[in-house]
Amino acid sequence: MILRPLLKFLLFHLPRLLFQVAGLLRVINRGKRAFRKGLKAEGLPEEVVEELVKEFDPLEGVNLRELMNPTRKLRER
């Protein structure tokens, strides 16, 4: 009885969720590369470019491993 919902989750829902997360990360990284390329095209120094890219990074301070493994947070408490 419980096998069917588990297989449905593993075969349909989990891969879809993982592909959606991968797509979001791909879009974020593509935007970051385009932003860096645009700043370099304007002639800004490399140090300024790196600082601006870090400042506007939407994933700054987010550890993706912690997000993908919520059980680790429960064990630490």
N, C-alpha and C. Protein backbone atom coordinates (compact mmCIF):
# COMPACT_ATOMS: atom_id res chain seq x y z
N MET A 1 0.80 -1.20 0.00
CA MET A 1 0.00 0.00 0.00
C MET A 1 0.85 1.27 0.00
N ILE A 2 1.87 1.31 0.85
CA ILE A 2 2.69 2.51 0.95
C ILE A 2 3.75 2.57 -0.15
N LEU A 3 3.94 1.47 -0.84
CA LEU A 3 4.96 1.41 -1.88
C LEU A 3 4.61 2.29 -3.08
N ARG A 4 3.35 2.31 -3.46
CA ARG A 4 2.93 3.08 -4.64
C ARG A 4 3.17 4.59 -4.48
N PRO A 5 2.77 5.22 -3.36
CA PRO A 5 3.05 6.66 -3.20
C PRO A 5 4.55 6.96 -3.13
N LEU A 6 5.31 6.05 -2.53
CA LEU A 6 6.75 6.25 -2.45
C LEU A 6 7.38 6.21 -3.83
N LEU A 7 7.00 5.24 -4.63
CA LEU A 7 7.53 5.16 -6.00
C LEU A 7 7.10 6.36 -6.83
N LYS A 8 5.87 6.81 -6.65
CA LYS A 8 5.40 7.99 -7.37
C LYS A 8 6.24 9.21 -7.01
N PHE A 9 6.54 9.36 -5.73
CA PHE A 9 7.38 10.48 -5.31
C PHE A 9 8.78 10.38 -5.89
N LEU A 10 9.38 9.19 -5.78
CA LEU A 10 10.77 9.01 -6.24
C LEU A 10 10.90 9.12 -7.76
N LEU A 11 9.90 8.68 -8.50
CA LEU A 11 10.01 8.65 -9.95
C LEU A 11 9.47 9.90 -10.64
N PHE A 12 8.55 10.62 -10.02
CA PHE A 12 7.92 11.77 -10.67
C PHE A 12 8.21 13.09 -9.97
N HIS A 13 7.96 13.17 -8.69
CA HIS A 13 8.03 14.45 -8.00
C HIS A 13 9.47 14.86 -7.67
N LEU A 14 10.27 13.96 -7.19
CA LEU A 14 11.64 14.30 -6.83
C LEU A 14 12.47 14.76 -8.03
N PRO A 15 12.47 14.04 -9.15
CA PRO A 15 13.23 14.53 -10.31
C PRO A 15 12.74 15.89 -10.80
N ARG A 16 11.44 16.12 -10.79
CA ARG A 16 10.91 17.40 -11.22
C ARG A 16 11.40 18.52 -10.31
N LEU A 17 11.37 18.29 -9.01
CA LEU A 17 11.83 19.28 -8.05
C LEU A 17 13.32 19.57 -8.24
N LEU A 18 14.11 18.53 -8.44
CA LEU A 18 15.55 18.73 -8.62
C LEU A 18 15.86 19.48 -9.91
N PHE A 19 15.12 19.20 -10.98
CA PHE A 19 15.33 19.93 -12.22
C PHE A 19 14.94 21.40 -12.08
N GLN A 20 13.90 21.68 -11.30
CA GLN A 20 13.50 23.07 -11.08
C GLN A 20 14.56 23.82 -10.30
N VAL A 21 15.13 23.21 -9.28
CA VAL A 21 16.21 23.84 -8.50
C VAL A 21 17.42 24.06 -9.39
N ALA A 22 17.77 23.07 -10.20
CA ALA A 22 18.92 23.22 -11.10
C ALA A 22 18.68 24.34 -12.10
N GLY A 23 17.45 24.48 -12.59
CA GLY A 23 17.13 25.56 -13.51
C GLY A 23 17.25 26.92 -12.86
N LEU A 24 16.82 27.05 -11.62
CA LEU A 24 16.95 28.32 -10.91
C LEU A 24 18.42 28.69 -10.72
N LEU A 25 19.23 27.71 -10.34
CA LEU A 25 20.65 27.98 -10.15
C LEU A 25 21.31 28.36 -11.47
N ARG A 26 20.90 27.72 -12.55
CA ARG A 26 21.45 28.04 -13.87
C ARG A 26 21.13 29.48 -14.27
N VAL A 27 19.91 29.91 -14.03
CA VAL A 27 19.51 31.27 -14.37
C VAL A 27 20.27 32.28 -13.52
N ILE A 28 20.42 32.00 -12.23
CA ILE A 28 21.15 32.91 -11.35
C ILE A 28 22.60 33.03 -11.79
N ASN A 29 23.23 31.90 -12.09
CA ASN A 29 24.64 31.94 -12.51
C ASN A 29 24.80 32.63 -13.86
N ARG A 30 23.86 32.44 -14.76
CA ARG A 30 23.92 33.11 -16.06
C ARG A 30 23.82 34.63 -15.89
N GLY A 31 22.92 35.05 -15.01
CA GLY A 31 22.79 36.49 -14.74
C GLY A 31 24.03 37.06 -14.11
N LYS A 32 24.65 36.30 -13.22
CA LYS A 32 25.87 36.76 -12.56
C LYS A 32 27.00 36.92 -13.58
N ARG A 33 27.11 35.96 -14.51
CA ARG A 33 28.15 36.06 -15.55
C ARG A 33 27.90 37.25 -16.46
N ALA A 34 26.64 37.49 -16.83
CA ALA A 34 26.31 38.61 -17.70
C ALA A 34 26.58 39.94 -17.00
N PHE A 35 26.27 40.01 -15.71
CA PHE A 35 26.52 41.22 -14.93
C PHE A 35 28.02 41.49 -14.86
N ARG A 36 28.81 40.45 -14.60
CA ARG A 36 30.26 40.60 -14.53
C ARG A 36 30.82 41.05 -15.89
N LYS A 37 30.32 40.45 -16.96
CA LYS A 37 30.79 40.80 -18.31
C LYS A 37 30.44 42.26 -18.64
N GLY A 38 29.25 42.70 -18.25
CA GLY A 38 28.85 44.08 -18.49
C GLY A 38 29.69 45.07 -17.72
N LEU A 39 30.02 44.73 -16.48
CA LEU A 39 30.87 45.62 -15.68
C LEU A 39 32.28 45.71 -16.27
N LYS A 40 32.80 44.59 -16.73
CA LYS A 40 34.13 44.60 -17.35
C LYS A 40 34.12 45.39 -18.66
N ALA A 41 33.01 45.32 -19.40
CA ALA A 41 32.90 46.07 -20.65
C ALA A 41 32.89 47.57 -20.41
N GLU A 42 32.43 47.98 -19.24
CA GLU A 42 32.44 49.40 -18.88
C GLU A 42 33.82 49.88 -18.45
N GLY A 43 34.76 48.97 -18.30
CA GLY A 43 36.12 49.36 -17.99
C GLY A 43 36.42 49.48 -16.50
N LEU A 44 35.61 48.87 -15.67
CA LEU A 44 35.84 48.92 -14.23
C LEU A 44 37.00 48.00 -13.85
N PRO A 45 37.75 48.34 -12.82
CA PRO A 45 38.83 47.46 -12.36
C PRO A 45 38.28 46.13 -11.83
N GLU A 46 39.11 45.11 -11.90
CA GLU A 46 38.70 43.76 -11.51
C GLU A 46 38.24 43.70 -10.04
N GLU A 47 38.91 44.43 -9.15
CA GLU A 47 38.53 44.42 -7.74
C GLU A 47 37.13 44.98 -7.54
N VAL A 48 36.81 46.05 -8.26
CA VAL A 48 35.49 46.67 -8.16
C VAL A 48 34.43 45.73 -8.73
N VAL A 49 34.75 45.09 -9.83
CA VAL A 49 33.81 44.15 -10.45
C VAL A 49 33.49 43.02 -9.48
N GLU A 50 34.51 42.43 -8.88
CA GLU A 50 34.28 41.32 -7.95
C GLU A 50 33.46 41.76 -6.74
N GLU A 51 33.74 42.96 -6.23
CA GLU A 51 32.99 43.45 -5.07
C GLU A 51 31.53 43.70 -5.42
N LEU A 52 31.27 44.26 -6.59
CA LEU A 52 29.89 44.50 -7.01
C LEU A 52 29.14 43.19 -7.26
N VAL A 53 29.82 42.21 -7.84
CA VAL A 53 29.19 40.91 -8.08
C VAL A 53 28.84 40.26 -6.74
N LYS A 54 29.72 40.35 -5.75
CA LYS A 54 29.44 39.80 -4.43
C LYS A 54 28.28 40.54 -3.77
N GLU A 55 28.25 41.86 -3.94
CA GLU A 55 27.21 42.68 -3.31
C GLU A 55 25.81 42.35 -3.83
N PHE A 56 25.69 42.09 -5.12
CA PHE A 56 24.40 41.83 -5.72
C PHE A 56 24.10 40.35 -5.93
N ASP A 57 24.87 39.48 -5.29
CA ASP A 57 24.66 38.03 -5.41
C ASP A 57 23.42 37.61 -4.62
N PRO A 58 22.39 37.05 -5.28
CA PRO A 58 21.18 36.66 -4.54
C PRO A 58 21.39 35.46 -3.62
N LEU A 59 22.43 34.69 -3.85
CA LEU A 59 22.69 33.51 -3.02
C LEU A 59 23.78 33.75 -1.98
N GLU A 60 24.10 35.02 -1.74
CA GLU A 60 25.14 35.34 -0.77
C GLU A 60 24.70 34.90 0.63
N GLY A 61 25.53 34.16 1.29
CA GLY A 61 25.23 33.71 2.64
C GLY A 61 24.32 32.49 2.71
N VAL A 62 23.94 31.94 1.58
CA VAL A 62 23.07 30.77 1.56
C VAL A 62 23.92 29.54 1.26
N ASN A 63 23.89 28.59 2.16
CA ASN A 63 24.61 27.35 1.95
C ASN A 63 23.63 26.34 1.36
N LEU A 64 23.82 25.98 0.10
CA LEU A 64 22.88 25.10 -0.58
C LEU A 64 22.88 23.70 0.02
N ARG A 65 23.98 23.27 0.58
CA ARG A 65 24.02 21.95 1.21
C ARG A 65 23.11 21.88 2.43
N GLU A 66 23.05 22.99 3.19
CA GLU A 66 22.17 23.02 4.34
C GLU A 66 20.70 23.03 3.91
N LEU A 67 20.42 23.71 2.81
CA LEU A 67 19.04 23.74 2.32
C LEU A 67 18.58 22.38 1.83
N MET A 68 19.47 21.63 1.22
CA MET A 68 19.10 20.35 0.65
C MET A 68 19.10 19.22 1.68
N ASN A 69 19.66 19.45 2.87
CA ASN A 69 19.71 18.41 3.90
C ASN A 69 19.12 18.96 5.20
N PRO A 70 17.80 19.02 5.31
CA PRO A 70 17.19 19.59 6.52
C PRO A 70 17.36 18.71 7.75
N THR A 71 17.68 17.44 7.59
CA THR A 71 17.83 16.56 8.75
C THR A 71 19.07 16.92 9.55
N ARG A 72 20.08 17.50 8.90
CA ARG A 72 21.29 17.90 9.61
C ARG A 72 20.97 18.97 10.64
N LYS A 73 20.08 19.90 10.32
CA LYS A 73 19.70 20.95 11.26
C LYS A 73 19.00 20.35 12.47
N LEU A 74 18.19 19.32 12.25
CA LEU A 74 17.49 18.71 13.36
C LEU A 74 18.45 17.97 14.30
N ARG A 75 19.47 17.36 13.73
CA ARG A 75 20.44 16.63 14.56
C ARG A 75 21.31 17.57 15.39
N GLU A 76 21.57 18.79 14.89
CA GLU A 76 22.42 19.73 15.60
C GLU A 76 21.75 20.32 16.83
N ARG A 77 20.43 20.31 16.87
CA ARG A 77 19.70 20.92 18.01
C ARG A 77 19.80 20.11 19.23
